[in-house]
Amino acid sequence: RKGADASVEYYGARTEEYLGEADRIKTPLLVHLGEEDEYISKAAQGAIIAALKDNPSAQVFTYPGCRHAFARHRGIHYDQASAPPANRRTAAFFGSGWKRVGVVVLSDHTGQAA
């Protein structure tokens, strides 16, 4: 929880348990959340987004219809539409000097595009 120059989190189950520490995040953090992740409730996803939205070091992307491990190549829940953009965002994040994009919600959690 400390010492990293930058961090990327894919499908961070139990992240909501540590949101009290969110204001102490000072190094770049990129978070990928599958909106249908069976290990991260909708309430937890909302709490993660809310806790990080004003942190200039953090950016969050959500992926509609995606379950846990949606970007794990050859995984049971691999999503061909969402995995490549998530992985491109991660590669760009590490290659960019970590410029903040902000919180990006790709849908409003009702199935409608935001």
Protein backbone atom coordinates (compact mmCIF):
# COMPACT_ATOMS: atom_id res chain seq x y z
CA ARG A 1 0.00 0.00 0.00
CA LYS A 2 2.97 2.27 -0.16
CA GLY A 3 6.21 2.58 -2.03
CA ALA A 4 4.96 2.14 -5.60
CA ASP A 5 5.73 4.84 -8.14
CA ALA A 6 2.41 4.11 -9.88
CA SER A 7 -0.26 1.42 -9.64
CA VAL A 8 -2.87 -0.19 -11.88
CA GLU A 9 -5.73 -2.17 -10.42
CA TYR A 10 -7.81 -4.55 -12.46
CA TYR A 11 -10.96 -5.85 -10.73
CA GLY A 12 -9.94 -4.81 -7.23
CA ALA A 13 -12.13 -6.91 -4.98
CA ARG A 14 -12.32 -5.55 -1.43
CA THR A 15 -10.96 -2.14 -2.49
CA GLU A 16 -13.93 -0.53 -0.75
CA GLU A 17 -12.53 -1.72 2.59
CA TYR A 18 -9.61 0.69 2.21
CA LEU A 19 -11.37 3.80 0.93
CA GLY A 20 -10.61 5.61 4.17
CA GLU A 21 -7.07 5.79 2.83
CA ALA A 22 -8.06 7.24 -0.56
CA ASP A 23 -7.06 10.79 0.34
CA ARG A 24 -3.52 9.55 1.02
CA ILE A 25 -3.05 8.30 -2.53
CA LYS A 26 -0.34 10.58 -3.91
CA THR A 27 1.13 8.44 -6.67
CA PRO A 28 -0.69 7.71 -9.94
CA LEU A 29 -3.42 5.07 -9.74
CA LEU A 30 -5.45 3.61 -12.61
CA VAL A 31 -8.48 1.45 -11.75
CA HIS A 32 -10.45 -0.83 -14.10
CA LEU A 33 -13.87 -2.04 -12.86
CA GLY A 34 -16.13 -4.51 -14.65
CA GLU A 35 -19.64 -3.28 -13.95
CA GLU A 36 -20.96 -6.83 -13.50
CA ASP A 37 -18.03 -8.03 -11.39
CA GLU A 38 -19.38 -10.69 -9.06
CA TYR A 39 -16.78 -9.80 -6.41
CA ILE A 40 -17.41 -6.05 -6.35
CA SER A 41 -20.98 -4.99 -5.60
CA LYS A 42 -22.62 -2.03 -7.32
CA ALA A 43 -22.51 -0.21 -3.98
CA ALA A 44 -18.79 -0.90 -3.65
CA GLN A 45 -18.16 0.27 -7.20
CA GLY A 46 -20.05 3.48 -6.49
CA ALA A 47 -18.06 4.01 -3.31
CA ILE A 48 -14.76 3.48 -5.15
CA ILE A 49 -15.74 5.94 -7.86
CA ALA A 50 -16.92 8.52 -5.32
CA ALA A 51 -13.79 8.17 -3.18
CA LEU A 52 -11.42 8.64 -6.10
CA LYS A 53 -13.25 11.15 -8.29
CA ASP A 54 -11.58 14.22 -6.79
CA ASN A 55 -8.16 12.68 -6.28
CA PRO A 56 -5.83 14.15 -8.91
CA SER A 57 -3.63 11.04 -8.76
CA ALA A 58 -6.42 8.56 -9.54
CA GLN A 59 -8.43 7.64 -12.59
CA VAL A 60 -11.19 5.04 -12.82
CA PHE A 61 -12.69 3.33 -15.86
CA THR A 62 -15.79 1.16 -15.73
CA TYR A 63 -16.73 -1.45 -18.32
CA PRO A 64 -20.43 -2.18 -18.94
CA GLY A 65 -21.46 -5.82 -18.98
CA CYS A 66 -18.05 -7.03 -17.83
CA ARG A 67 -17.47 -9.52 -15.06
CA HIS A 68 -14.44 -10.24 -12.90
CA ALA A 69 -11.23 -10.87 -14.88
CA PHE A 70 -12.69 -9.47 -18.11
CA ALA A 71 -9.20 -8.67 -19.43
CA ARG A 72 -7.54 -11.98 -18.52
CA HIS A 73 -6.56 -13.45 -21.87
CA ARG A 74 -8.15 -16.88 -22.31
CA GLY A 75 -10.06 -16.42 -19.05
CA ILE A 76 -13.64 -17.59 -18.73
CA HIS A 77 -14.98 -14.00 -18.58
CA TYR A 78 -12.62 -12.47 -21.15
CA ASP A 79 -14.43 -9.67 -22.99
CA GLN A 80 -13.15 -9.04 -26.51
CA ALA A 81 -14.71 -5.59 -26.66
CA SER A 82 -13.46 -4.25 -23.32
CA ALA A 83 -10.14 -5.99 -22.65
CA PRO A 84 -8.15 -4.31 -25.46
CA PRO A 85 -9.18 -0.75 -24.48
CA ALA A 86 -8.41 -1.49 -20.82
CA ASN A 87 -5.01 -2.84 -21.74
CA ARG A 88 -4.33 0.11 -24.07
CA ARG A 89 -5.24 2.49 -21.26
CA THR A 90 -2.84 0.68 -18.96
CA ALA A 91 -0.02 0.81 -21.52
CA ALA A 92 -0.71 4.51 -22.16
CA PHE A 93 -0.81 5.18 -18.42
CA PHE A 94 2.64 3.71 -17.90
CA GLY A 95 3.97 5.45 -20.99
CA SER A 96 2.40 8.84 -20.39
CA GLY A 97 4.05 10.17 -17.30
CA TRP A 98 0.68 9.45 -15.64
CA LYS A 99 -1.44 12.35 -16.77
CA ARG A 100 -4.80 12.38 -15.05
CA VAL A 101 -7.87 11.73 -17.16
CA GLY A 102 -10.33 11.57 -14.27
CA VAL A 103 -13.14 9.20 -13.47
CA VAL A 104 -14.74 7.83 -16.60
CA VAL A 105 -18.03 6.00 -16.17
CA LEU A 106 -18.90 4.27 -19.41
CA SER A 107 -22.50 3.69 -18.34
CA ASP A 108 -24.72 4.86 -15.52
CA HIS A 109 -25.05 1.34 -14.03
CA THR A 110 -28.56 0.99 -15.44
CA GLY A 111 -27.45 -0.35 -18.79
CA GLN A 112 -27.86 3.00 -20.48
CA ALA A 113 -24.83 4.70 -21.97
CA ALA A 114 -23.74 7.69 -19.93
